C-alpha atoms as a PDB file:
ATOM      1  CA  UNK A   1     -12.037   3.832  23.227  1.00  0.00           C
ATOM      2  CA  UNK A   2      -8.713   2.569  23.072  1.00  0.00           C
ATOM      3  CA  UNK A   3      -6.479   3.503  20.067  1.00  0.00           C
ATOM      4  CA  UNK A   4      -2.886   2.272  19.340  1.00  0.00           C
ATOM      5  CA  UNK A   5      -0.828   4.885  17.472  1.00  0.00           C
ATOM      6  CA  UNK A   6       1.907   3.021  15.530  1.00  0.00           C
ATOM      7  CA  UNK A   7       4.897   5.154  13.873  1.00  0.00           C
ATOM      8  CA  UNK A   8       7.182   3.886  11.456  1.00  0.00           C
ATOM      9  CA  UNK A   9       8.505   7.140  10.686  1.00  0.00           C
ATOM     10  CA  UNK A  10       8.304   9.077   7.213  1.00  0.00           C
ATOM     11  CA  UNK A  11       7.626  12.664   6.538  1.00  0.00           C
ATOM     12  CA  UNK A  12       4.745  12.927   8.984  1.00  0.00           C
ATOM     13  CA  UNK A  13       7.624  12.297  11.706  1.00  0.00           C
ATOM     14  CA  UNK A  14      10.317  14.357   9.988  1.00  0.00           C
ATOM     15  CA  UNK A  15      11.646  17.918  10.008  1.00  0.00           C
ATOM     16  CA  UNK A  16      13.125  19.945   7.422  1.00  0.00           C
ATOM     17  CA  UNK A  17      16.276  22.309   7.612  1.00  0.00           C
ATOM     18  CA  UNK A  18      19.002  21.555   5.003  1.00  0.00           C
ATOM     19  CA  UNK A  19      17.185  18.532   3.897  1.00  0.00           C
ATOM     20  CA  UNK A  20      13.944  16.601   5.019  1.00  0.00           C
ATOM     21  CA  UNK A  21      15.122  14.047   7.769  1.00  0.00           C
ATOM     22  CA  UNK A  22      13.554  12.094  10.310  1.00  0.00           C
ATOM     23  CA  UNK A  23      12.692  13.637  13.732  1.00  0.00           C
ATOM     24  CA  UNK A  24       9.992  12.776  16.475  1.00  0.00           C
ATOM     25  CA  UNK A  25       7.787   9.675  15.600  1.00  0.00           C
ATOM     26  CA  UNK A  26       4.544  11.134  17.374  1.00  0.00           C
ATOM     27  CA  UNK A  27       4.996  14.890  17.149  1.00  0.00           C
ATOM     28  CA  UNK A  28       1.776  14.981  14.927  1.00  0.00           C
ATOM     29  CA  UNK A  29      -0.166  13.727  17.984  1.00  0.00           C
ATOM     30  CA  UNK A  30       0.632  16.841  19.743  1.00  0.00           C
ATOM     31  CA  UNK A  31      -1.130  19.011  16.899  1.00  0.00           C
ATOM     32  CA  UNK A  32      -4.330  16.783  17.160  1.00  0.00           C
ATOM     33  CA  UNK A  33      -7.733  18.321  17.496  1.00  0.00           C
ATOM     34  CA  UNK A  34      -8.275  18.031  21.525  1.00  0.00           C
ATOM     35  CA  UNK A  35     -12.236  17.444  20.914  1.00  0.00           C
ATOM     36  CA  UNK A  36     -11.173  14.193  18.676  1.00  0.00           C
ATOM     37  CA  UNK A  37      -8.919  12.493  21.575  1.00  0.00           C
ATOM     38  CA  UNK A  38     -11.140  13.572  24.497  1.00  0.00           C
ATOM     39  CA  UNK A  39     -12.106  10.334  26.329  1.00  0.00           C
ATOM     40  CA  UNK A  40      -9.668   8.418  23.983  1.00  0.00           C
ATOM     41  CA  UNK A  41      -7.021   6.097  25.747  1.00  0.00           C
ATOM     42  CA  UNK A  42      -4.021   6.388  23.405  1.00  0.00           C
ATOM     43  CA  UNK A  43      -1.101   3.930  23.403  1.00  0.00           C
ATOM     44  CA  UNK A  44       1.997   4.333  21.385  1.00  0.00           C
ATOM     45  CA  UNK A  45       4.375   1.888  19.612  1.00  0.00           C
ATOM     46  CA  UNK A  46       7.273   2.449  17.283  1.00  0.00           C
ATOM     47  CA  UNK A  47       8.581  -0.940  15.925  1.00  0.00           C
ATOM     48  CA  UNK A  48      11.192   1.068  13.481  1.00  0.00           C
ATOM     49  CA  UNK A  49      11.751   4.690  12.013  1.00  0.00           C
ATOM     50  CA  UNK A  50      12.641   5.107   8.516  1.00  0.00           C
ATOM     51  CA  UNK A  51      11.596   7.078   5.398  1.00  0.00           C
ATOM     52  CA  UNK A  52       9.096   4.875   3.428  1.00  0.00           C
ATOM     53  CA  UNK A  53      11.523   4.533   0.491  1.00  0.00           C
ATOM     54  CA  UNK A  54      13.740   2.355   2.451  1.00  0.00           C
ATOM     55  CA  UNK A  55      10.312   0.063   3.198  1.00  0.00           C
ATOM     56  CA  UNK A  56      11.214  -3.961   3.083  1.00  0.00           C
ATOM     57  CA  UNK A  57       9.754  -7.000   3.880  1.00  0.00           C
ATOM     58  CA  UNK A  58      11.594  -7.213   7.316  1.00  0.00           C
ATOM     59  CA  UNK A  59       9.972  -3.972   8.203  1.00  0.00           C
ATOM     60  CA  UNK A  60       6.603  -4.978   7.024  1.00  0.00           C
ATOM     61  CA  UNK A  61       6.704  -8.250   9.143  1.00  0.00           C
ATOM     62  CA  UNK A  62       7.854  -6.094  12.466  1.00  0.00           C
ATOM     63  CA  UNK A  63       4.566  -3.981  11.422  1.00  0.00           C
ATOM     64  CA  UNK A  64       2.549  -6.913  11.214  1.00  0.00           C
ATOM     65  CA  UNK A  65       3.660  -8.398  14.598  1.00  0.00           C
ATOM     66  CA  UNK A  66       3.076  -5.257  16.259  1.00  0.00           C
ATOM     67  CA  UNK A  67      -0.693  -5.137  14.841  1.00  0.00           C
ATOM     68  CA  UNK A  68      -1.048  -8.830  15.981  1.00  0.00           C
ATOM     69  CA  UNK A  69       0.371  -8.098  19.503  1.00  0.00           C
ATOM     70  CA  UNK A  70      -1.996  -5.158  20.068  1.00  0.00           C
ATOM     71  CA  UNK A  71      -4.709  -5.405  22.571  1.00  0.00           C
ATOM     72  CA  UNK A  72      -6.455  -2.926  20.629  1.00  0.00           C
ATOM     73  CA  UNK A  73      -8.256  -3.471  17.122  1.00  0.00           C
ATOM     74  CA  UNK A  74      -8.253   0.435  16.795  1.00  0.00           C
ATOM     75  CA  UNK A  75      -4.967   1.507  15.292  1.00  0.00           C
ATOM     76  CA  UNK A  76      -3.467   4.209  13.521  1.00  0.00           C
ATOM     77  CA  UNK A  77      -0.503   3.818  11.430  1.00  0.00           C
ATOM     78  CA  UNK A  78       1.725   6.818  10.774  1.00  0.00           C
ATOM     79  CA  UNK A  79       3.553   6.166   7.515  1.00  0.00           C
ATOM     80  CA  UNK A  80       5.659   7.680   4.713  1.00  0.00           C
ATOM     81  CA  UNK A  81       3.716   8.575   1.146  1.00  0.00           C
ATOM     82  CA  UNK A  82       6.227   7.145  -1.064  1.00  0.00           C
ATOM     83  CA  UNK A  83       5.226   3.094  -0.261  1.00  0.00           C
ATOM     84  CA  UNK A  84       1.809   3.944   1.505  1.00  0.00           C
ATOM     85  CA  UNK A  85      -0.154   2.318  -1.250  1.00  0.00           C
ATOM     86  CA  UNK A  86       2.042  -0.922  -0.894  1.00  0.00           C
ATOM     87  CA  UNK A  87       2.045  -1.100   2.862  1.00  0.00           C
ATOM     88  CA  UNK A  88      -2.118  -0.244   2.989  1.00  0.00           C
ATOM     89  CA  UNK A  89      -2.547  -2.962   0.644  1.00  0.00           C
ATOM     90  CA  UNK A  90      -0.734  -5.506   2.747  1.00  0.00           C
ATOM     91  CA  UNK A  91      -2.346  -4.347   5.676  1.00  0.00           C
ATOM     92  CA  UNK A  92      -5.894  -4.484   4.363  1.00  0.00           C
ATOM     93  CA  UNK A  93      -5.486  -7.945   3.115  1.00  0.00           C
ATOM     94  CA  UNK A  94      -3.936  -9.527   6.398  1.00  0.00           C
ATOM     95  CA  UNK A  95      -5.951  -7.442   8.754  1.00  0.00           C
ATOM     96  CA  UNK A  96      -9.631  -6.640   7.222  1.00  0.00           C
ATOM     97  CA  UNK A  97     -11.295  -7.718  10.488  1.00  0.00           C
ATOM     98  CA  UNK A  98      -9.744  -4.912  12.235  1.00  0.00           C
ATOM     99  CA  UNK A  99     -10.423  -0.937  12.490  1.00  0.00           C
ATOM    100  CA  UNK A 100      -7.324   0.418  11.028  1.00  0.00           C
ATOM    101  CA  UNK A 101      -6.421   3.578   9.294  1.00  0.00           C
ATOM    102  CA  UNK A 102      -2.951   4.464   7.872  1.00  0.00           C
ATOM    103  CA  UNK A 103      -1.965   8.025   7.018  1.00  0.00           C
ATOM    104  CA  UNK A 104       0.969  10.272   6.168  1.00  0.00           C
ATOM    105  CA  UNK A 105       1.746  13.956   5.257  1.00  0.00           C
ATOM    106  CA  UNK A 106       3.114  15.359   2.064  1.00  0.00           C
ATOM    107  CA  UNK A 107       5.409  17.985   3.875  1.00  0.00           C
ATOM    108  CA  UNK A 108       6.740  18.031   7.676  1.00  0.00           C
ATOM    109  CA  UNK A 109       3.982  19.331   9.775  1.00  0.00           C
ATOM    110  CA  UNK A 110       5.626  22.356  10.790  1.00  0.00           C
ATOM    111  CA  UNK A 111       4.952  23.611   7.054  1.00  0.00           C
ATOM    112  CA  UNK A 112       1.560  25.512   7.345  1.00  0.00           C
ATOM    113  CA  UNK A 113       0.751  24.069   3.769  1.00  0.00           C
ATOM    114  CA  UNK A 114       1.269  20.289   4.980  1.00  0.00           C
ATOM    115  CA  UNK A 115      -1.876  18.087   4.865  1.00  0.00           C
ATOM    116  CA  UNK A 116      -0.370  15.798   7.881  1.00  0.00           C
ATOM    117  CA  UNK A 117      -2.194  17.276  10.511  1.00  0.00           C
ATOM    118  CA  UNK A 118      -5.782  17.148   9.021  1.00  0.00           C
ATOM    119  CA  UNK A 119      -5.024  13.802   7.755  1.00  0.00           C
ATOM    120  CA  UNK A 120      -4.001  12.669  11.411  1.00  0.00           C
ATOM    121  CA  UNK A 121      -7.427  14.313  12.328  1.00  0.00           C
ATOM    122  CA  UNK A 122      -9.560  12.727   9.628  1.00  0.00           C
ATOM    123  CA  UNK A 123      -7.761   9.248  10.886  1.00  0.00           C
ATOM    124  CA  UNK A 124      -9.106   9.737  14.560  1.00  0.00           C
ATOM    125  CA  UNK A 125     -12.563  10.648  13.405  1.00  0.00           C
ATOM    126  CA  UNK A 126     -12.699   7.503  11.092  1.00  0.00           C
ATOM    127  CA  UNK A 127     -11.291   5.201  13.843  1.00  0.00           C
ATOM    128  CA  UNK A 128     -14.017   6.480  16.279  1.00  0.00           C
ATOM    129  CA  UNK A 129     -16.688   5.263  13.928  1.00  0.00           C
ATOM    130  CA  UNK A 130     -15.491   1.746  15.253  1.00  0.00           C
ATOM    131  CA  UNK A 131     -15.891   0.406  11.697  1.00  0.00           C
ATOM    132  CA  UNK A 132     -14.268  -2.675  10.784  1.00  0.00           C
ATOM    133  CA  UNK A 133     -11.962  -2.560   7.710  1.00  0.00           C
ATOM    134  CA  UNK A 134      -8.742  -0.794   6.743  1.00  0.00           C
ATOM    135  CA  UNK A 135      -8.428   2.648   5.169  1.00  0.00           C
ATOM    136  CA  UNK A 136      -6.013   5.356   4.204  1.00  0.00           C
ATOM    137  CA  UNK A 137      -6.638   8.668   5.341  1.00  0.00           C
ATOM    138  CA  UNK A 138      -4.912  11.378   2.872  1.00  0.00           C
ATOM    139  CA  UNK A 139      -6.904  14.336   1.525  1.00  0.00           C
ATOM    140  CA  UNK A 140     -10.146  12.010   2.319  1.00  0.00           C
ATOM    141  CA  UNK A 141     -10.761   8.659   3.504  1.00  0.00           C
ATOM    142  CA  UNK A 142     -10.210   5.597   1.184  1.00  0.00           C
ATOM    143  CA  UNK A 143     -10.485   1.703   1.249  1.00  0.00           C
ATOM    144  CA  UNK A 144      -6.498   0.717   1.821  1.00  0.00           C
ATOM    145  CA  UNK A 145      -6.242  -1.655  -1.094  1.00  0.00           C
ATOM    146  CA  UNK A 146      -7.783   0.521  -3.942  1.00  0.00           C
ATOM    147  CA  UNK A 147      -5.226   3.244  -3.708  1.00  0.00           C
ATOM    148  CA  UNK A 148      -2.373   3.793  -6.268  1.00  0.00           C
ATOM    149  CA  UNK A 149       0.763   5.198  -5.451  1.00  0.00           C
ATOM    150  CA  UNK A 150       0.889   9.132  -5.144  1.00  0.00           C
ATOM    151  CA  UNK A 151       1.880  10.949  -8.380  1.00  0.00           C
ATOM    152  CA  UNK A 152       4.197  13.772  -8.698  1.00  0.00           C
ATOM    153  CA  UNK A 153       1.506  16.118  -7.275  1.00  0.00           C
ATOM    154  CA  UNK A 154       1.453  13.868  -4.173  1.00  0.00           C
ATOM    155  CA  UNK A 155      -2.095  13.101  -5.050  1.00  0.00           C
ATOM    156  CA  UNK A 156      -3.403   9.365  -4.384  1.00  0.00           C
ATOM    157  CA  UNK A 157      -5.977   7.845  -6.705  1.00  0.00           C
ATOM    158  CA  UNK A 158      -8.609   5.461  -5.832  1.00  0.00           C
ATOM    159  CA  UNK A 159      -9.329   2.706  -8.497  1.00  0.00           C
ATOM    160  CA  UNK A 160     -10.083  -1.052  -8.643  1.00  0.00           C
ATOM    161  CA  UNK A 161     -12.572  -3.033  -6.487  1.00  0.00           C
ATOM    162  CA  UNK A 162     -12.572  -5.103  -3.309  1.00  0.00           C
ATOM    163  CA  UNK A 163     -11.007  -8.528  -3.604  1.00  0.00           C
ATOM    164  CA  UNK A 164     -11.976 -11.665  -1.868  1.00  0.00           C
ATOM    165  CA  UNK A 165     -11.133 -11.733   1.716  1.00  0.00           C
ATOM    166  CA  UNK A 166      -7.962 -14.110   2.772  1.00  0.00           C
ATOM    167  CA  UNK A 167      -8.904 -16.786   5.509  1.00  0.00           C
ATOM    168  CA  UNK A 168      -6.203 -16.438   7.972  1.00  0.00           C
ATOM    169  CA  UNK A 169      -3.749 -14.723   6.056  1.00  0.00           C
ATOM    170  CA  UNK A 170      -0.110 -14.312   6.854  1.00  0.00           C
ATOM    171  CA  UNK A 171       2.947 -12.488   4.988  1.00  0.00           C
ATOM    172  CA  UNK A 172       4.660 -14.914   2.622  1.00  0.00           C
ATOM    173  CA  UNK A 173       7.292 -12.931   0.699  1.00  0.00           C
ATOM    174  CA  UNK A 174       8.127 -13.780  -2.742  1.00  0.00           C
ATOM    175  CA  UNK A 175      10.494 -12.644  -5.228  1.00  0.00           C
ATOM    176  CA  UNK A 176       8.339 -10.627  -7.696  1.00  0.00           C
ATOM    177  CA  UNK A 177       9.285  -9.038 -10.807  1.00  0.00           C
ATOM    178  CA  UNK A 178       7.304  -5.728 -11.269  1.00  0.00           C
ATOM    179  CA  UNK A 179       7.261  -4.323 -14.960  1.00  0.00           C
ATOM    180  CA  UNK A 180       5.567  -1.119 -16.290  1.00  0.00           C
ATOM    181  CA  UNK A 181       5.249  -0.777 -19.922  1.00  0.00           C
ATOM    182  CA  UNK A 182       7.031   2.281 -21.740  1.00  0.00           C
ATOM    183  CA  UNK A 183       7.682   3.039 -25.534  1.00  0.00           C
ATOM    184  CA  UNK A 184      10.249   0.936 -27.194  1.00  0.00           C
ATOM    185  CA  UNK A 185      10.652  -1.706 -24.027  1.00  0.00           C
ATOM    186  CA  UNK A 186      13.311  -4.178 -24.333  1.00  0.00           C
ATOM    187  CA  UNK A 187      12.416  -7.334 -22.387  1.00  0.00           C
ATOM    188  CA  UNK A 188      15.748  -8.670 -22.902  1.00  0.00           C
ATOM    189  CA  UNK A 189      16.689  -6.327 -19.910  1.00  0.00           C
ATOM    190  CA  UNK A 190      14.876  -8.420 -17.702  1.00  0.00           C
ATOM    191  CA  UNK A 191      16.299 -11.511 -15.944  1.00  0.00           C
ATOM    192  CA  UNK A 192      13.715 -13.883 -14.759  1.00  0.00           C
ATOM    193  CA  UNK A 193      15.987 -16.496 -13.421  1.00  0.00           C
ATOM    194  CA  UNK A 194      15.617 -15.751  -9.887  1.00  0.00           C
ATOM    195  CA  UNK A 195      12.008 -14.554 -10.038  1.00  0.00           C
ATOM    196  CA  UNK A 196       8.812 -16.333  -8.343  1.00  0.00           C
ATOM    197  CA  UNK A 197       6.419 -14.373 -10.290  1.00  0.00           C
ATOM    198  CA  UNK A 198       6.138 -11.525 -12.797  1.00  0.00           C
ATOM    199  CA  UNK A 199       3.349  -8.807 -12.635  1.00  0.00           C
ATOM    200  CA  UNK A 200       3.357  -6.471 -15.575  1.00  0.00           C
ATOM    201  CA  UNK A 201       1.050  -3.194 -15.143  1.00  0.00           C
ATOM    202  CA  UNK A 202      -1.111  -2.536 -18.192  1.00  0.00           C
ATOM    203  CA  UNK A 203      -1.424   0.878 -19.839  1.00  0.00           C
ATOM    204  CA  UNK A 204      -4.488   2.824 -18.658  1.00  0.00           C
ATOM    205  CA  UNK A 205      -6.606   1.456 -21.550  1.00  0.00           C
ATOM    206  CA  UNK A 206      -5.878  -2.089 -20.322  1.00  0.00           C
ATOM    207  CA  UNK A 207      -3.377  -2.577 -23.344  1.00  0.00           C
ATOM    208  CA  UNK A 208       0.222  -3.775 -23.474  1.00  0.00           C
ATOM    209  CA  UNK A 209       2.684  -3.863 -26.714  1.00  0.00           C
ATOM    210  CA  UNK A 210       2.871  -6.871 -28.505  1.00  0.00           C
ATOM    211  CA  UNK A 211       6.319  -7.525 -27.165  1.00  0.00           C
ATOM    212  CA  UNK A 212       4.916  -8.080 -24.079  1.00  0.00           C
ATOM    213  CA  UNK A 213       2.770 -11.071 -24.929  1.00  0.00           C
ATOM    214  CA  UNK A 214       5.810 -12.743 -26.316  1.00  0.00           C
ATOM    215  CA  UNK A 215       7.660 -12.119 -22.936  1.00  0.00           C
ATOM    216  CA  UNK A 216       4.610 -13.424 -20.995  1.00  0.00           C
ATOM    217  CA  UNK A 217       4.851 -16.624 -23.007  1.00  0.00           C
ATOM    218  CA  UNK A 218       8.744 -16.988 -22.659  1.00  0.00           C
ATOM    219  CA  UNK A 219       8.246 -16.456 -18.904  1.00  0.00           C
ATOM    220  CA  UNK A 220       5.442 -19.205 -18.627  1.00  0.00           C
ATOM    221  CA  UNK A 221       7.378 -21.559 -20.684  1.00  0.00           C
ATOM    222  CA  UNK A 222      10.130 -21.160 -18.294  1.00  0.00           C
ATOM    223  CA  UNK A 223       7.794 -22.014 -15.244  1.00  0.00           C
ATOM    224  CA  UNK A 224       7.626 -18.393 -13.900  1.00  0.00           C
ATOM    225  CA  UNK A 225       3.807 -17.547 -13.508  1.00  0.00           C
ATOM    226  CA  UNK A 226       2.981 -14.334 -15.219  1.00  0.00           C
ATOM    227  CA  UNK A 227       0.246 -11.888 -15.097  1.00  0.00           C
ATOM    228  CA  UNK A 228      -0.926  -8.335 -16.458  1.00  0.00           C
ATOM    229  CA  UNK A 229      -2.530  -6.243 -13.871  1.00  0.00           C
ATOM    230  CA  UNK A 230      -5.272  -3.439 -14.625  1.00  0.00           C
ATOM    231  CA  UNK A 231      -7.832  -1.693 -12.414  1.00  0.00           C
ATOM    232  CA  UNK A 232     -10.143  -1.964 -15.201  1.00  0.00           C
ATOM    233  CA  UNK A 233     -12.934  -4.488 -15.511  1.00  0.00           C
ATOM    234  CA  UNK A 234     -12.506  -5.552 -19.200  1.00  0.00           C
ATOM    235  CA  UNK A 235      -9.709  -5.227 -21.748  1.00  0.00           C
ATOM    236  CA  UNK A 236     -11.297  -4.285 -24.970  1.00  0.00           C
ATOM    237  CA  UNK A 237      -8.586  -3.352 -27.551  1.00  0.00           C
ATOM    238  CA  UNK A 238      -7.392  -5.998 -29.854  1.00  0.00           C
ATOM    239  CA  UNK A 239      -3.832  -5.907 -28.677  1.00  0.00           C
ATOM    240  CA  UNK A 240      -5.431  -7.442 -25.252  1.00  0.00           C
ATOM    241  CA  UNK A 241      -8.192  -9.749 -26.924  1.00  0.00           C
ATOM    242  CA  UNK A 242      -5.598 -13.090 -26.639  1.00  0.00           C
ATOM    243  CA  UNK A 243      -4.098 -12.682 -23.129  1.00  0.00           C
ATOM    244  CA  UNK A 244      -7.451 -12.409 -20.957  1.00  0.00           C
ATOM    245  CA  UNK A 245      -6.660 -15.403 -19.046  1.00  0.00           C
ATOM    246  CA  UNK A 246      -3.296 -13.608 -17.890  1.00  0.00           C
ATOM    247  CA  UNK A 247      -5.065 -10.569 -16.962  1.00  0.00           C
ATOM    248  CA  UNK A 248      -5.904  -9.711 -13.213  1.00  0.00           C
ATOM    249  CA  UNK A 249      -8.850  -7.314 -13.670  1.00  0.00           C
ATOM    250  CA  UNK A 250     -10.152  -4.593 -11.038  1.00  0.00           C
ATOM    251  CA  UNK A 251      -7.168  -4.020  -9.122  1.00  0.00           C
ATOM    252  CA  UNK A 252      -4.039  -1.919  -8.605  1.00  0.00           C
ATOM    253  CA  UNK A 253      -0.525  -3.174  -9.314  1.00  0.00           C
ATOM    254  CA  UNK A 254       0.095  -2.451  -5.555  1.00  0.00           C
ATOM    255  CA  UNK A 255      -2.761  -4.434  -4.413  1.00  0.00           C
ATOM    256  CA  UNK A 256      -1.699  -7.279  -6.628  1.00  0.00           C
ATOM    257  CA  UNK A 257       1.752  -7.321  -5.544  1.00  0.00           C
ATOM    258  CA  UNK A 258       0.629  -7.433  -1.756  1.00  0.00           C
ATOM    259  CA  UNK A 259      -1.823 -10.319  -2.252  1.00  0.00           C
ATOM    260  CA  UNK A 260       0.832 -12.564  -4.205  1.00  0.00           C
ATOM    261  CA  UNK A 261       2.892 -12.095  -1.290  1.00  0.00           C
ATOM    262  CA  UNK A 262       0.310 -13.132   1.025  1.00  0.00           C
ATOM    263  CA  UNK A 263      -0.376 -17.005   1.743  1.00  0.00           C
ATOM    264  CA  UNK A 264      -3.665 -18.306   3.910  1.00  0.00           C
ATOM    265  CA  UNK A 265      -4.637 -21.434   5.912  1.00  0.00           C
ATOM    266  CA  UNK A 266      -4.371 -24.559   3.629  1.00  0.00           C
ATOM    267  CA  UNK A 267      -1.887 -23.201   1.004  1.00  0.00           C
END
């Protein structure tokens, strides 16, 4: 089996002294379980090297181009954990017909408590099954378009459901304003003049404050598409009863963001 390893940087390619900083892009490969790489033809690519908090559409396009140009459909992507849920959602929607696993590490891999080496080994195990689809290897294997960004304890959560597949998808970046609700939120702080679209995350109960609905109406009247997003399959509270036509159900905010930045043949 041929497997392409693409490194984009991140903690899995970093080391720590006075601070954590980028080091060697493929060093985790040297710690891999030898039994998992026996008989495997590895190739390597590094389109850029960044800490993933600096991820942007230009980097994402470089990653997409690298995958498209690969002569192998079996690909492991080494990535930072901060924006892993966003990148994994993009890759899942763009390359659902390939065998891809994205992986990361919570600490530099020289730290004995780091999970990067085990995550990489699990990525190898999954890739070698030869199954089509895009997954994330991080303390388990998860469909790449169903994880939320890591919490303060470096834990990713799986939620939502599979969405319809795009036909001949391509990256089509938009200027999307993303809003998360909080107590006493003041929507006058948000400028929608340059926004192509607004995505508003809902509270965990699939609810939003009353002021959010007035802001949604203002956006739509101004010609700016507006959607609330929840991984739940329904919104059952009275505060959400009159906005069901504005809600995207069964998906993460990260996946909704990715899908609105993708177009398909005929669009």
